[in-house]
C-alpha atoms as a PDB file:
ATOM      1  CA  MET A   1     160.121 127.918  65.609  1.00  0.00           C
ATOM      2  CA  LEU A   2     157.582 130.494  64.481  1.00  0.00           C
ATOM      3  CA  LYS A   3     155.393 127.740  63.023  1.00  0.00           C
ATOM      4  CA  VAL A   4     155.374 125.867  66.322  1.00  0.00           C
ATOM      5  CA  ILE A   5     154.285 128.937  68.265  1.00  0.00           C
ATOM      6  CA  THR A   6     151.495 129.616  65.774  1.00  0.00           C
ATOM      7  CA  LEU A   7     150.111 126.077  66.117  1.00  0.00           C
ATOM      8  CA  LEU A   8     150.161 126.110  69.907  1.00  0.00           C
ATOM      9  CA  THR A   9     148.458 129.461  70.420  1.00  0.00           C
ATOM     10  CA  PRO A  10     144.837 128.246  69.899  1.00  0.00           C
ATOM     11  CA  LEU A  11     145.416 125.404  72.375  1.00  0.00           C
ATOM     12  CA  VAL A  12     146.566 127.816  75.042  1.00  0.00           C
ATOM     13  CA  PHE A  13     143.462 129.919  74.462  1.00  0.00           C
ATOM     14  CA  LEU A  14     141.130 126.945  74.756  1.00  0.00           C
ATOM     15  CA  ALA A  15     142.769 125.829  77.969  1.00  0.00           C
ATOM     16  CA  GLY A  16     142.323 129.286  79.463  1.00  0.00           C
ATOM     17  CA  CYS A  17     144.950 131.488  81.025  1.00  0.00           C
ATOM     18  CA  VAL A  18     143.231 132.397  84.297  1.00  0.00           C
ATOM     19  CA  ALA A  19     141.872 129.011  85.303  1.00  0.00           C
ATOM     20  CA  GLN A  20     142.730 127.786  88.779  1.00  0.00           C
ATOM     21  CA  PRO A  21     144.490 124.412  89.117  1.00  0.00           C
ATOM     22  CA  THR A  22     142.869 121.753  91.313  1.00  0.00           C
ATOM     23  CA  LYS A  23     144.193 118.524  92.768  1.00  0.00           C
ATOM     24  CA  THR A  24     142.864 115.131  91.804  1.00  0.00           C
ATOM     25  CA  SER A  25     140.021 114.011  94.058  1.00  0.00           C
ATOM     26  CA  VAL A  26     141.421 111.689  96.738  1.00  0.00           C
ATOM     27  CA  ILE A  27     139.400 110.189  99.587  1.00  0.00           C
ATOM     28  CA  ASP A  28     141.424 110.361 102.791  1.00  0.00           C
ATOM     29  CA  SER A  29     140.568 107.599 105.268  1.00  0.00           C
ATOM     30  CA  LYS A  30     140.171 110.302 107.935  1.00  0.00           C
ATOM     31  CA  GLN A  31     137.169 111.670 106.035  1.00  0.00           C
ATOM     32  CA  PHE A  32     135.150 108.505 106.707  1.00  0.00           C
ATOM     33  CA  GLU A  33     132.779 108.691 109.660  1.00  0.00           C
ATOM     34  CA  THR A  34     131.841 105.719 111.803  1.00  0.00           C
ATOM     35  CA  ILE A  35     128.054 105.858 111.950  1.00  0.00           C
ATOM     36  CA  LYS A  36     126.473 103.797 114.728  1.00  0.00           C
ATOM     37  CA  PHE A  37     122.782 102.955 114.648  1.00  0.00           C
ATOM     38  CA  SER A  38     121.393 103.493 118.141  1.00  0.00           C
ATOM     39  CA  PRO A  39     117.615 103.999 118.371  1.00  0.00           C
ATOM     40  CA  ILE A  40     115.842 103.769 121.722  1.00  0.00           C
ATOM     41  CA  LEU A  41     114.870 100.149 122.213  1.00  0.00           C
ATOM     42  CA  GLY A  42     111.125  99.716 122.692  1.00  0.00           C
ATOM     43  CA  ALA A  43     110.200 103.026 121.043  1.00  0.00           C
ATOM     44  CA  LYS A  44     107.535 102.984 118.320  1.00  0.00           C
ATOM     45  CA  LEU A  45     108.966 103.896 114.922  1.00  0.00           C
ATOM     46  CA  ALA A  46     107.640 103.993 111.356  1.00  0.00           C
ATOM     47  CA  VAL A  47     109.015 103.827 107.812  1.00  0.00           C
ATOM     48  CA  GLU A  48     107.425 103.875 104.376  1.00  0.00           C
ATOM     49  CA  THR A  49     108.004 101.329 101.637  1.00  0.00           C
ATOM     50  CA  GLY A  50     111.527 101.743 100.253  1.00  0.00           C
ATOM     51  CA  ASP A  51     112.886 103.432 103.389  1.00  0.00           C
ATOM     52  CA  ASP A  52     115.900 102.182 105.349  1.00  0.00           C
ATOM     53  CA  MET A  53     115.140 100.891 108.852  1.00  0.00           C
ATOM     54  CA  PHE A  54     118.790 100.362 109.761  1.00  0.00           C
ATOM     55  CA  VAL A  55     121.941 102.118 108.508  1.00  0.00           C
ATOM     56  CA  GLU A  56     125.356 101.593 110.100  1.00  0.00           C
ATOM     57  CA  GLY A  57     128.975 101.603 109.005  1.00  0.00           C
ATOM     58  CA  ASP A  58     132.018 103.624 107.994  1.00  0.00           C
ATOM     59  CA  TYR A  59     131.137 106.046 105.230  1.00  0.00           C
ATOM     60  CA  ILE A  60     131.177 109.667 104.177  1.00  0.00           C
ATOM     61  CA  PRO A  61     127.593 110.958 104.474  1.00  0.00           C
ATOM     62  CA  GLY A  62     126.178 112.478 101.306  1.00  0.00           C
ATOM     63  CA  GLN A  63     125.091 116.084 100.906  1.00  0.00           C
ATOM     64  CA  LEU A  64     122.898 117.896  98.423  1.00  0.00           C
ATOM     65  CA  VAL A  65     121.942 121.409  97.375  1.00  0.00           C
ATOM     66  CA  ASP A  66     118.390 122.221  96.325  1.00  0.00           C
ATOM     67  CA  ILE A  67     118.398 124.607  93.365  1.00  0.00           C
ATOM     68  CA  THR A  68     114.894 126.025  93.747  1.00  0.00           C
ATOM     69  CA  ASP A  69     114.947 128.213  90.630  1.00  0.00           C
ATOM     70  CA  ARG A  70     116.920 128.209  87.390  1.00  0.00           C
ATOM     71  CA  VAL A  71     120.327 129.828  87.803  1.00  0.00           C
ATOM     72  CA  ASP A  72     121.943 131.943  85.064  1.00  0.00           C
ATOM     73  CA  LYS A  73     125.387 133.415  85.733  1.00  0.00           C
ATOM     74  CA  PHE A  74     128.337 134.932  83.881  1.00  0.00           C
ATOM     75  CA  ILE A  75     131.697 133.657  85.151  1.00  0.00           C
ATOM     76  CA  PRO A  76     135.096 135.271  84.390  1.00  0.00           C
ATOM     77  CA  GLY A  77     136.770 132.908  81.965  1.00  0.00           C
ATOM     78  CA  SER A  78     139.737 132.703  79.649  1.00  0.00           C
ATOM     79  CA  MET A  79     141.479 136.098  79.289  1.00  0.00           C
ATOM     80  CA  LEU A  80     138.867 137.394  81.794  1.00  0.00           C
ATOM     81  CA  ILE A  81     136.123 137.138  79.169  1.00  0.00           C
ATOM     82  CA  PRO A  82     132.839 136.333  80.965  1.00  0.00           C
ATOM     83  CA  PHE A  83     130.994 133.252  79.743  1.00  0.00           C
ATOM     84  CA  PRO A  84     127.478 132.044  80.618  1.00  0.00           C
ATOM     85  CA  MET A  85     126.621 129.016  82.743  1.00  0.00           C
ATOM     86  CA  SER A  86     123.190 127.797  83.764  1.00  0.00           C
ATOM     87  CA  ILE A  87     121.649 125.253  86.120  1.00  0.00           C
ATOM     88  CA  GLU A  88     118.032 124.144  85.930  1.00  0.00           C
ATOM     89  CA  ALA A  89     115.944 123.891  89.093  1.00  0.00           C
ATOM     90  CA  GLY A  90     116.465 120.590  90.880  1.00  0.00           C
ATOM     91  CA  VAL A  91     118.668 118.764  93.383  1.00  0.00           C
ATOM     92  CA  ILE A  92     122.438 118.520  92.864  1.00  0.00           C
ATOM     93  CA  HIS A  93     124.504 116.074  94.928  1.00  0.00           C
ATOM     94  CA  MET A  94     128.028 116.294  96.308  1.00  0.00           C
ATOM     95  CA  ASN A  95     130.081 114.151  93.929  1.00  0.00           C
ATOM     96  CA  LYS A  96     133.700 115.225  94.382  1.00  0.00           C
ATOM     97  CA  ILE A  97     135.950 116.172  97.305  1.00  0.00           C
ATOM     98  CA  THR A  98     139.382 117.722  96.855  1.00  0.00           C
ATOM     99  CA  SER A  99     141.891 118.841  99.464  1.00  0.00           C
ATOM    100  CA  ASN A 100     140.050 122.156  99.930  1.00  0.00           C
ATOM    101  CA  TRP A 101     136.600 121.903  98.316  1.00  0.00           C
ATOM    102  CA  LYS A 102     133.400 119.879  98.118  1.00  0.00           C
ATOM    103  CA  TYR A 103     131.840 119.926  94.640  1.00  0.00           C
ATOM    104  CA  PHE A 104     128.098 119.763  93.925  1.00  0.00           C
ATOM    105  CA  CYS A 105     127.791 119.131  90.197  1.00  0.00           C
ATOM    106  CA  ALA A 106     124.538 119.299  88.252  1.00  0.00           C
ATOM    107  CA  ASP A 107     123.626 116.520  85.840  1.00  0.00           C
ATOM    108  CA  PRO A 108     124.632 117.455  82.264  1.00  0.00           C
ATOM    109  CA  SER A 109     120.959 117.319  81.288  1.00  0.00           C
ATOM    110  CA  MET A 110     120.204 120.206  83.669  1.00  0.00           C
ATOM    111  CA  SER A 111     123.304 122.370  83.216  1.00  0.00           C
ATOM    112  CA  ALA A 112     125.293 124.169  80.524  1.00  0.00           C
ATOM    113  CA  ALA A 113     128.326 126.390  79.995  1.00  0.00           C
ATOM    114  CA  SER A 114     129.425 127.998  76.734  1.00  0.00           C
ATOM    115  CA  PHE A 115     132.108 130.385  75.488  1.00  0.00           C
ATOM    116  CA  PRO A 116     131.748 133.018  72.746  1.00  0.00           C
ATOM    117  CA  GLY A 117     132.676 131.498  69.404  1.00  0.00           C
ATOM    118  CA  LEU A 118     133.203 128.010  70.832  1.00  0.00           C
ATOM    119  CA  GLY A 119     129.740 126.877  71.892  1.00  0.00           C
ATOM    120  CA  SER A 120     129.547 124.378  74.758  1.00  0.00           C
ATOM    121  CA  VAL A 121     132.791 124.102  76.736  1.00  0.00           C
ATOM    122  CA  VAL A 122     131.879 121.116  78.935  1.00  0.00           C
ATOM    123  CA  ARG A 123     132.062 117.393  78.310  1.00  0.00           C
ATOM    124  CA  GLN A 124     130.949 114.311  80.221  1.00  0.00           C
ATOM    125  CA  GLY A 125     132.835 114.298  83.518  1.00  0.00           C
ATOM    126  CA  ASP A 126     133.131 118.085  83.763  1.00  0.00           C
ATOM    127  CA  CYS A 127     131.325 119.989  86.517  1.00  0.00           C
ATOM    128  CA  VAL A 128     128.833 122.843  86.387  1.00  0.00           C
ATOM    129  CA  GLY A 129     127.469 123.649  89.824  1.00  0.00           C
ATOM    130  CA  ILE A 130     128.519 124.887  93.247  1.00  0.00           C
ATOM    131  CA  ARG A 131     131.573 124.213  95.353  1.00  0.00           C
ATOM    132  CA  GLU A 132     131.909 124.796  99.105  1.00  0.00           C
ATOM    133  CA  SER A 133     135.149 125.109 101.053  1.00  0.00           C
ATOM    134  CA  LYS A 134     135.629 122.204 103.436  1.00  0.00           C
ATOM    135  CA  ASP A 135     135.418 124.544 106.420  1.00  0.00           C
ATOM    136  CA  GLY A 136     132.056 125.851 105.133  1.00  0.00           C
ATOM    137  CA  SER A 137     133.175 129.489 105.008  1.00  0.00           C
ATOM    138  CA  ARG A 138     133.028 130.010 101.205  1.00  0.00           C
ATOM    139  CA  MET A 139     130.735 128.981  98.377  1.00  0.00           C
ATOM    140  CA  GLN A 140     131.312 129.565  94.663  1.00  0.00           C
ATOM    141  CA  TRP A 141     129.554 128.953  91.385  1.00  0.00           C
ATOM    142  CA  VAL A 142     131.925 126.703  89.496  1.00  0.00           C
ATOM    143  CA  VAL A 143     132.672 125.409  86.021  1.00  0.00           C
ATOM    144  CA  ASP A 144     135.383 122.750  85.989  1.00  0.00           C
ATOM    145  CA  ASN A 145     135.917 121.924  82.310  1.00  0.00           C
ATOM    146  CA  SER A 146     139.129 119.937  82.642  1.00  0.00           C
ATOM    147  CA  LYS A 147     137.764 117.144  80.433  1.00  0.00           C
ATOM    148  CA  TYR A 148     136.941 119.645  77.688  1.00  0.00           C
ATOM    149  CA  ASN A 149     140.472 121.001  78.019  1.00  0.00           C
ATOM    150  CA  ARG A 150     141.989 117.564  77.385  1.00  0.00           C
ATOM    151  CA  GLY A 151     142.866 116.772  80.981  1.00  0.00           C
ATOM    152  CA  LEU A 152     144.398 120.124  81.913  1.00  0.00           C
ATOM    153  CA  ASN A 153     142.927 121.033  85.312  1.00  0.00           C
ATOM    154  CA  THR A 154     140.898 124.209  84.749  1.00  0.00           C
ATOM    155  CA  VAL A 155     138.343 125.677  87.124  1.00  0.00           C
ATOM    156  CA  TYR A 156     136.443 128.961  86.738  1.00  0.00           C
ATOM    157  CA  THR A 157     134.557 130.405  89.710  1.00  0.00           C
ATOM    158  CA  LEU A 158     132.317 133.215  90.928  1.00  0.00           C
ATOM    159  CA  ASN A 159     131.621 133.816  94.613  1.00  0.00           C
ATOM    160  CA  LEU A 160     128.035 133.370  95.778  1.00  0.00           C
ATOM    161  CA  SER A 161     126.517 136.499  97.295  1.00  0.00           C
ATOM    162  CA  PRO A 162     125.711 136.335 101.031  1.00  0.00           C
ATOM    163  CA  GLU A 163     122.026 135.903 100.142  1.00  0.00           C
ATOM    164  CA  GLU A 164     122.813 133.067  97.716  1.00  0.00           C
ATOM    165  CA  GLN A 165     125.107 131.380 100.213  1.00  0.00           C
ATOM    166  CA  SER A 166     122.318 131.393 102.781  1.00  0.00           C
ATOM    167  CA  LYS A 167     119.792 130.107 100.230  1.00  0.00           C
ATOM    168  CA  TYR A 168     121.913 127.265  98.868  1.00  0.00           C
ATOM    169  CA  GLN A 169     123.331 125.791 102.068  1.00  0.00           C
ATOM    170  CA  PRO A 170     124.044 122.048 101.625  1.00  0.00           C
ATOM    171  CA  SER A 171     121.839 119.602 103.519  1.00  0.00           C
ATOM    172  CA  LYS A 172     122.137 115.911 104.337  1.00  0.00           C
ATOM    173  CA  SER A 173     121.399 113.309 101.677  1.00  0.00           C
ATOM    174  CA  THR A 174     120.231 109.741 102.276  1.00  0.00           C
ATOM    175  CA  ILE A 175     122.765 108.618  99.645  1.00  0.00           C
ATOM    176  CA  PRO A 176     126.317 108.202 101.076  1.00  0.00           C
ATOM    177  CA  PHE A 177     129.084 109.965  99.172  1.00  0.00           C
ATOM    178  CA  SER A 178     131.584 107.139  99.627  1.00  0.00           C
ATOM    179  CA  VAL A 179     131.478 103.849 101.521  1.00  0.00           C
ATOM    180  CA  LYS A 180     134.177 101.828 103.298  1.00  0.00           C
ATOM    181  CA  ALA A 181     131.724  99.547 105.112  1.00  0.00           C
ATOM    182  CA  LEU A 182     127.944  99.829 105.273  1.00  0.00           C
ATOM    183  CA  THR A 183     125.062  97.680 106.515  1.00  0.00           C
ATOM    184  CA  THR A 184     121.423  98.508 105.743  1.00  0.00           C
ATOM    185  CA  ILE A 185     118.020  96.922 106.250  1.00  0.00           C
ATOM    186  CA  THR A 186     115.360  98.248 103.885  1.00  0.00           C
ATOM    187  CA  TYR A 187     111.614  97.786 104.170  1.00  0.00           C
ATOM    188  CA  ASP A 188     110.456  96.667 100.716  1.00  0.00           C
ATOM    189  CA  GLY A 189     106.726  96.542 101.433  1.00  0.00           C
ATOM    190  CA  TYR A 190     103.792  94.411 102.554  1.00  0.00           C
ATOM    191  CA  TYR A 191     101.947  92.512  99.861  1.00  0.00           C
ATOM    192  CA  GLY A 192     100.551  89.025  99.308  1.00  0.00           C
ATOM    193  CA  GLY A 193     100.227  88.600 103.067  1.00  0.00           C
ATOM    194  CA  GLN A 194     103.990  88.895 103.465  1.00  0.00           C
ATOM    195  CA  LEU A 195     106.517  91.446 104.733  1.00  0.00           C
ATOM    196  CA  HIS A 196     109.534  91.999 102.484  1.00  0.00           C
ATOM    197  CA  PHE A 197     112.964  93.271 103.572  1.00  0.00           C
ATOM    198  CA  THR A 198     116.427  93.597 101.997  1.00  0.00           C
ATOM    199  CA  TYR A 199     119.608  93.171 104.039  1.00  0.00           C
ATOM    200  CA  GLU A 200     122.676  94.667 102.318  1.00  0.00           C
ATOM    201  CA  SER A 201     126.304  94.609 103.439  1.00  0.00           C
ATOM    202  CA  ILE A 202     129.030  96.580 101.633  1.00  0.00           C
ATOM    203  CA  ILE A 203     132.718  96.139 102.475  1.00  0.00           C
ATOM    204  CA  GLY A 204     135.010  97.891 100.040  1.00  0.00           C
ATOM    205  CA  ALA A 205     133.986  96.749  96.566  1.00  0.00           C
ATOM    206  CA  GLN A 206     132.133  93.678  97.815  1.00  0.00           C
ATOM    207  CA  VAL A 207     128.340  93.930  98.007  1.00  0.00           C
ATOM    208  CA  LYS A 208     126.202  91.193  99.559  1.00  0.00           C
ATOM    209  CA  GLU A 209     122.417  91.383  99.382  1.00  0.00           C
ATOM    210  CA  GLN A 210     119.855  89.036 100.892  1.00  0.00           C
ATOM    211  CA  LYS A 211     116.069  89.121 100.759  1.00  0.00           C
ATOM    212  CA  PHE A 212     113.948  88.273 103.812  1.00  0.00           C
ATOM    213  CA  ILE A 213     110.242  87.460 103.590  1.00  0.00           C
ATOM    214  CA  PHE A 214     107.907  86.848 106.545  1.00  0.00           C
ATOM    215  CA  ASP A 215     104.228  85.877 106.686  1.00  0.00           C
ATOM    216  CA  TYR A 216     102.066  88.469 108.410  1.00  0.00           C
ATOM    217  CA  ASP A 217      98.287  88.561 108.908  1.00  0.00           C
ATOM    218  CA  SER A 218      98.124  92.243 110.033  1.00  0.00           C
ATOM    219  CA  ALA A 219      95.924  91.251 112.976  1.00  0.00           C
ATOM    220  CA  SER A 220      98.607  90.970 115.652  1.00  0.00           C
ATOM    221  CA  GLU A 221     102.178  91.932 116.452  1.00  0.00           C
ATOM    222  CA  VAL A 222     104.990  89.649 115.310  1.00  0.00           C
ATOM    223  CA  LEU A 223     108.665  89.428 116.321  1.00  0.00           C
ATOM    224  CA  ILE A 224     111.136  89.342 113.394  1.00  0.00           C
ATOM    225  CA  GLY A 225     114.851  88.607 113.402  1.00  0.00           C
ATOM    226  CA  ILE A 226     117.328  89.575 110.657  1.00  0.00           C
ATOM    227  CA  LYS A 227     121.021  88.778 111.122  1.00  0.00           C
ATOM    228  CA  GLY A 228     120.843  88.948 114.917  1.00  0.00           C
ATOM    229  CA  LYS A 229     118.778  92.135 114.965  1.00  0.00           C
ATOM    230  CA  ARG A 230     115.222  91.809 116.244  1.00  0.00           C
ATOM    231  CA  PHE A 231     112.207  94.074 115.954  1.00  0.00           C
ATOM    232  CA  THR A 232     108.474  93.760 116.543  1.00  0.00           C
ATOM    233  CA  VAL A 233     106.115  94.617 113.718  1.00  0.00           C
ATOM    234  CA  ILE A 234     103.222  96.539 115.245  1.00  0.00           C
ATOM    235  CA  GLN A 235     101.259  97.242 112.082  1.00  0.00           C
ATOM    236  CA  ALA A 236     101.873  97.153 108.338  1.00  0.00           C
ATOM    237  CA  ASP A 237     100.059  98.061 105.130  1.00  0.00           C
ATOM    238  CA  ASN A 238     101.093  98.750 101.532  1.00  0.00           C
ATOM    239  CA  ILE A 239     102.508 102.144 102.530  1.00  0.00           C
ATOM    240  CA  THR A 240     103.785 102.170 106.124  1.00  0.00           C
ATOM    241  CA  LEU A 241     105.434  99.824 108.609  1.00  0.00           C
ATOM    242  CA  SER A 242     105.151 100.565 112.341  1.00  0.00           C
ATOM    243  CA  TYR A 243     107.668  98.720 114.506  1.00  0.00           C
ATOM    244  CA  ARG A 244     109.923  98.844 117.551  1.00  0.00           C
ATOM    245  CA  TRP A 245     113.472  97.554 117.998  1.00  0.00           C
ATOM    246  CA  GLU A 246     113.975  94.849 120.627  1.00  0.00           C
ATOM    247  CA  LYS A 247     117.645  93.861 120.018  1.00  0.00           C
ATOM    248  CA  LEU A 248     120.380  95.250 117.761  1.00  0.00           C
ATOM    249  CA  ASN A 249     123.302  92.856 118.338  1.00  0.00           C
END
């Protein structure tokens, strides 16, 4: 029995004795929002090459946090021993939702966490970043190194100061977090005397994409129809498309 206890002790230390357990990320159908596209018909609009002209469906909108300057923090870890974590300046996206928290995890190339005597304590799939309570009342620096700890859910946190919480408020992202159904029309550019568009429909795991190409001489307006949706091209060049919606369904 003494030999067994001796062998297990290092594993307990590596897992950490003050880590907080978290639940597996599960997307509840109630979290999906039905987004309806409803611009004012006849109004002049503009997009640049690569921008979406039309976005509609049932999806969870994405969010991001802009880390304007490198972050270096010490977080209480195993046996309350502080360990360093860092995040390089850049944008981090929401990439996990649990029952109580939204996680914004930095790419491994722009983040790190280490423990004295052990070196790096994160592996691919772990999270170094910020988490926000789902009601928006709390924000914490977070290191979730459950992968490093062989699947044992372990999360270490440090509350953001009021100034930090104000500075790092999440904002909307053009990239949805999760999709149940989504339809988009993207302006792909004007070149070779032609206008290029991509129509994409996503339902569950099925993705259908179709390219649409129209001749355009840039001297006059032209009416274009894509899958029952109609818009007038007012002007186009290799950067911007000016248009107005005439019919959406």
